[in-house]
Amino acid sequence: MTDPHSAPQGQPSSQNPYQGQPPTYQGQQPAHQGQPYGGQPAYQGQNGAPGQRNTLALVSMILGIAGFVTAITSIGAIVTGHMALSQIKKRGEEGRGMALTGLILGYVVVALTIIGIILIIAVFGAIASNPDIYDGSYNS
C-alpha cells in the first residue's frame, strides 16, 4: 500500500522532513533542539511549569534554619512558607516539602523563643520578689 500523504514519484513532497527544526541558511549550523534559532530558552513567566521548584519555599527553609541562630528570621520563614504553599497550590510547582520545613522550623523557633522569654521573666520576677534568694554578694 502507498501512503496517501506521499507525493507521486518525481514530484516534490509538501511535507517538511525537518519539521520542528528551524530553517538553516547557507553556512549556518542547525540550532540545538529545544532552543529557537540557537537563542536562550523561552521565558516561563509567572505561572511556572509543573516540575519547577518554588523559590519562596527555598527561602522559607533557609530562613527557618537560620532562625536557630537569629530568632528573628523565623518570622520570615513563617511568612514566606505560607506564601510558598499558596503559590504551589495555584501553580502546581514543586517545593511543598521545603515550604513545610521552613514553616515547622519557624514555628518551633517562635515557640522556643516565647518559652525562653517567659522563663527569663519568671526567674527575674522570683529574684525581684524575694531578695533573700540573691543578695548580690559572692560570699558563700
C-alpha atoms as a PDB file:
ATOM      1  CA  MET A   1       0.000   0.000   0.000  1.00  0.00           C
ATOM      2  CA  THR A   2       1.088   3.530  -0.569  1.00  0.00           C
ATOM      3  CA  ASP A   3       0.940   6.426   1.836  1.00  0.00           C
ATOM      4  CA  PRO A   4      -1.974   8.745   0.900  1.00  0.00           C
ATOM      5  CA  HIS A   5       0.101  11.752   2.002  1.00  0.00           C
ATOM      6  CA  SER A   6       3.148  10.941  -0.092  1.00  0.00           C
ATOM      7  CA  ALA A   7       3.818  12.776  -3.317  1.00  0.00           C
ATOM      8  CA  PRO A   8       3.756  10.901  -6.620  1.00  0.00           C
ATOM      9  CA  GLN A   9       7.073   9.645  -7.966  1.00  0.00           C
ATOM     10  CA  GLY A  10       9.201  12.514  -9.216  1.00  0.00           C
ATOM     11  CA  GLN A  11       7.082  15.210  -7.534  1.00  0.00           C
ATOM     12  CA  PRO A  12       8.422  17.303  -4.612  1.00  0.00           C
ATOM     13  CA  SER A  13       6.894  16.429  -1.262  1.00  0.00           C
ATOM     14  CA  SER A  14       4.777  19.019   0.548  1.00  0.00           C
ATOM     15  CA  GLN A  15       5.803  17.572   3.920  1.00  0.00           C
ATOM     16  CA  ASN A  16       8.831  19.028   5.659  1.00  0.00           C
ATOM     17  CA  PRO A  17      11.216  16.197   6.614  1.00  0.00           C
ATOM     18  CA  TYR A  18      12.812  18.542   9.167  1.00  0.00           C
ATOM     19  CA  GLN A  19       9.558  19.501  10.880  1.00  0.00           C
ATOM     20  CA  GLY A  20      10.100  21.195  14.234  1.00  0.00           C
ATOM     21  CA  GLN A  21      13.578  22.405  13.333  1.00  0.00           C
ATOM     22  CA  PRO A  22      14.308  25.998  12.403  1.00  0.00           C
ATOM     23  CA  PRO A  23      15.478  26.639   8.856  1.00  0.00           C
ATOM     24  CA  THR A  24      19.208  26.794   8.266  1.00  0.00           C
ATOM     25  CA  TYR A  25      20.849  29.124   5.843  1.00  0.00           C
ATOM     26  CA  GLN A  26      23.984  28.624   3.840  1.00  0.00           C
ATOM     27  CA  GLY A  27      26.990  28.468   6.143  1.00  0.00           C
ATOM     28  CA  GLN A  28      24.969  28.104   9.376  1.00  0.00           C
ATOM     29  CA  GLN A  29      24.826  25.117  11.648  1.00  0.00           C
ATOM     30  CA  PRO A  30      21.392  23.893  12.787  1.00  0.00           C
ATOM     31  CA  ALA A  31      20.293  25.254  16.163  1.00  0.00           C
ATOM     32  CA  HIS A  32      20.174  22.967  19.161  1.00  0.00           C
ATOM     33  CA  GLN A  33      16.852  21.286  19.549  1.00  0.00           C
ATOM     34  CA  GLY A  34      14.576  22.992  22.085  1.00  0.00           C
ATOM     35  CA  GLN A  35      16.146  26.414  21.628  1.00  0.00           C
ATOM     36  CA  PRO A  36      14.707  28.505  18.834  1.00  0.00           C
ATOM     37  CA  TYR A  37      17.440  29.619  16.462  1.00  0.00           C
ATOM     38  CA  GLY A  38      20.181  28.895  19.000  1.00  0.00           C
ATOM     39  CA  GLY A  39      18.985  31.607  21.395  1.00  0.00           C
ATOM     40  CA  GLN A  40      18.044  31.454  25.032  1.00  0.00           C
ATOM     41  CA  PRO A  41      15.265  29.123  26.192  1.00  0.00           C
ATOM     42  CA  ALA A  42      11.787  30.603  26.267  1.00  0.00           C
ATOM     43  CA  TYR A  43      10.804  32.541  29.413  1.00  0.00           C
ATOM     44  CA  GLN A  44       8.385  30.595  31.612  1.00  0.00           C
ATOM     45  CA  GLY A  45       6.666  33.641  33.082  1.00  0.00           C
ATOM     46  CA  GLN A  46       4.987  33.939  36.479  1.00  0.00           C
ATOM     47  CA  ASN A  47       2.851  30.833  36.173  1.00  0.00           C
ATOM     48  CA  GLY A  48       5.787  28.464  36.095  1.00  0.00           C
ATOM     49  CA  ALA A  49       5.638  24.940  34.827  1.00  0.00           C
ATOM     50  CA  PRO A  50       4.951  21.707  36.656  1.00  0.00           C
ATOM     51  CA  GLY A  51       8.254  20.405  37.882  1.00  0.00           C
ATOM     52  CA  GLN A  52       9.614  23.881  38.563  1.00  0.00           C
ATOM     53  CA  ARG A  53      10.663  24.478  42.178  1.00  0.00           C
ATOM     54  CA  ASN A  54       9.106  27.388  44.063  1.00  0.00           C
ATOM     55  CA  THR A  55      11.713  29.965  45.112  1.00  0.00           C
ATOM     56  CA  LEU A  56       9.827  31.114  48.206  1.00  0.00           C
ATOM     57  CA  ALA A  57       9.827  27.538  49.504  1.00  0.00           C
ATOM     58  CA  LEU A  58      13.626  27.515  49.397  1.00  0.00           C
ATOM     59  CA  VAL A  59      13.764  30.940  51.063  1.00  0.00           C
ATOM     60  CA  SER A  60      11.406  29.725  53.801  1.00  0.00           C
ATOM     61  CA  MET A  61      13.558  26.691  54.523  1.00  0.00           C
ATOM     62  CA  ILE A  62      16.759  28.755  54.667  1.00  0.00           C
ATOM     63  CA  LEU A  63      15.154  31.321  56.978  1.00  0.00           C
ATOM     64  CA  GLY A  64      13.802  28.531  59.187  1.00  0.00           C
ATOM     65  CA  ILE A  65      17.268  27.026  59.582  1.00  0.00           C
ATOM     66  CA  ALA A  66      18.777  30.459  60.208  1.00  0.00           C
ATOM     67  CA  GLY A  67      16.107  31.024  62.879  1.00  0.00           C
ATOM     68  CA  PHE A  68      18.059  28.801  65.260  1.00  0.00           C
ATOM     69  CA  VAL A  69      20.919  31.325  65.112  1.00  0.00           C
ATOM     70  CA  THR A  70      18.902  34.519  64.861  1.00  0.00           C
ATOM     71  CA  ALA A  71      15.356  34.023  66.117  1.00  0.00           C
ATOM     72  CA  ILE A  72      14.005  36.990  64.141  1.00  0.00           C
ATOM     73  CA  THR A  73      14.389  35.186  60.783  1.00  0.00           C
ATOM     74  CA  SER A  74      11.871  32.574  61.891  1.00  0.00           C
ATOM     75  CA  ILE A  75       9.114  35.146  61.361  1.00  0.00           C
ATOM     76  CA  GLY A  76      10.263  35.496  57.749  1.00  0.00           C
ATOM     77  CA  ALA A  77      10.274  31.693  57.437  1.00  0.00           C
ATOM     78  CA  ILE A  78       6.649  31.566  58.541  1.00  0.00           C
ATOM     79  CA  VAL A  79       5.522  34.348  56.195  1.00  0.00           C
ATOM     80  CA  THR A  80       7.377  33.046  53.121  1.00  0.00           C
ATOM     81  CA  GLY A  81       6.336  29.462  53.925  1.00  0.00           C
ATOM     82  CA  HIS A  82       2.649  30.346  53.828  1.00  0.00           C
ATOM     83  CA  MET A  83       3.138  32.378  50.639  1.00  0.00           C
ATOM     84  CA  ALA A  84       5.014  29.478  49.029  1.00  0.00           C
ATOM     85  CA  LEU A  85       2.311  26.951  49.908  1.00  0.00           C
ATOM     86  CA  SER A  86      -0.296  29.218  48.355  1.00  0.00           C
ATOM     87  CA  GLN A  87       1.729  29.632  45.154  1.00  0.00           C
ATOM     88  CA  ILE A  88       2.484  25.908  44.952  1.00  0.00           C
ATOM     89  CA  LYS A  89      -1.218  25.110  45.224  1.00  0.00           C
ATOM     90  CA  LYS A  90      -2.157  27.615  42.497  1.00  0.00           C
ATOM     91  CA  ARG A  91       0.695  26.945  40.065  1.00  0.00           C
ATOM     92  CA  GLY A  92       1.327  23.250  40.607  1.00  0.00           C
ATOM     93  CA  GLU A  93       5.020  23.797  41.355  1.00  0.00           C
ATOM     94  CA  GLU A  94       7.336  21.626  43.422  1.00  0.00           C
ATOM     95  CA  GLY A  95       8.776  22.583  46.789  1.00  0.00           C
ATOM     96  CA  ARG A  96       5.956  21.763  49.201  1.00  0.00           C
ATOM     97  CA  GLY A  97       8.335  19.848  51.478  1.00  0.00           C
ATOM     98  CA  MET A  98      10.744  22.769  51.674  1.00  0.00           C
ATOM     99  CA  ALA A  99       7.904  25.183  52.450  1.00  0.00           C
ATOM    100  CA  LEU A 100       6.604  22.900  55.208  1.00  0.00           C
ATOM    101  CA  THR A 101      10.126  22.516  56.613  1.00  0.00           C
ATOM    102  CA  GLY A 102      10.505  26.295  56.761  1.00  0.00           C
ATOM    103  CA  LEU A 103       7.088  26.669  58.407  1.00  0.00           C
ATOM    104  CA  ILE A 104       7.733  23.981  61.015  1.00  0.00           C
ATOM    105  CA  LEU A 105      11.204  25.301  61.869  1.00  0.00           C
ATOM    106  CA  GLY A 106       9.843  28.846  62.042  1.00  0.00           C
ATOM    107  CA  TYR A 107       7.011  27.906  64.392  1.00  0.00           C
ATOM    108  CA  VAL A 108       9.348  25.805  66.580  1.00  0.00           C
ATOM    109  CA  VAL A 109      11.802  28.685  66.957  1.00  0.00           C
ATOM    110  CA  VAL A 110       8.994  31.152  67.744  1.00  0.00           C
ATOM    111  CA  ALA A 111       7.590  28.764  70.383  1.00  0.00           C
ATOM    112  CA  LEU A 112      11.039  28.211  71.948  1.00  0.00           C
ATOM    113  CA  THR A 113      11.663  31.969  71.964  1.00  0.00           C
ATOM    114  CA  ILE A 114       8.360  32.638  73.733  1.00  0.00           C
ATOM    115  CA  ILE A 115       9.070  29.887  76.289  1.00  0.00           C
ATOM    116  CA  GLY A 116      12.560  31.319  76.856  1.00  0.00           C
ATOM    117  CA  ILE A 117      11.221  34.832  77.393  1.00  0.00           C
ATOM    118  CA  ILE A 118       8.620  33.524  79.870  1.00  0.00           C
ATOM    119  CA  LEU A 119      11.326  31.622  81.805  1.00  0.00           C
ATOM    120  CA  ILE A 120      13.593  34.678  81.938  1.00  0.00           C
ATOM    121  CA  ILE A 121      10.735  36.852  83.201  1.00  0.00           C
ATOM    122  CA  ALA A 122       9.846  34.205  85.816  1.00  0.00           C
ATOM    123  CA  VAL A 123      13.452  33.942  87.052  1.00  0.00           C
ATOM    124  CA  PHE A 124      13.918  37.712  87.302  1.00  0.00           C
ATOM    125  CA  GLY A 125      10.471  38.072  88.894  1.00  0.00           C
ATOM    126  CA  ALA A 126      11.359  35.467  91.521  1.00  0.00           C
ATOM    127  CA  ILE A 127      14.641  37.237  92.265  1.00  0.00           C
ATOM    128  CA  ALA A 128      12.946  40.635  92.499  1.00  0.00           C
ATOM    129  CA  SER A 129      10.160  39.412  94.772  1.00  0.00           C
ATOM    130  CA  ASN A 130      12.458  37.554  97.192  1.00  0.00           C
ATOM    131  CA  PRO A 131      15.684  39.446  97.896  1.00  0.00           C
ATOM    132  CA  ASP A 132      16.964  36.622 100.129  1.00  0.00           C
ATOM    133  CA  ILE A 133      17.473  34.375  97.071  1.00  0.00           C
ATOM    134  CA  TYR A 134      20.234  36.565  95.692  1.00  0.00           C
ATOM    135  CA  ASP A 135      21.796  39.312  97.755  1.00  0.00           C
ATOM    136  CA  GLY A 136      24.411  40.353  95.237  1.00  0.00           C
ATOM    137  CA  SER A 137      27.417  39.178  97.246  1.00  0.00           C
ATOM    138  CA  TYR A 138      29.840  36.492  96.166  1.00  0.00           C
ATOM    139  CA  ASN A 139      30.398  35.092  99.678  1.00  0.00           C
ATOM    140  CA  SER A 140      29.328  31.527 100.204  1.00  0.00           C
END
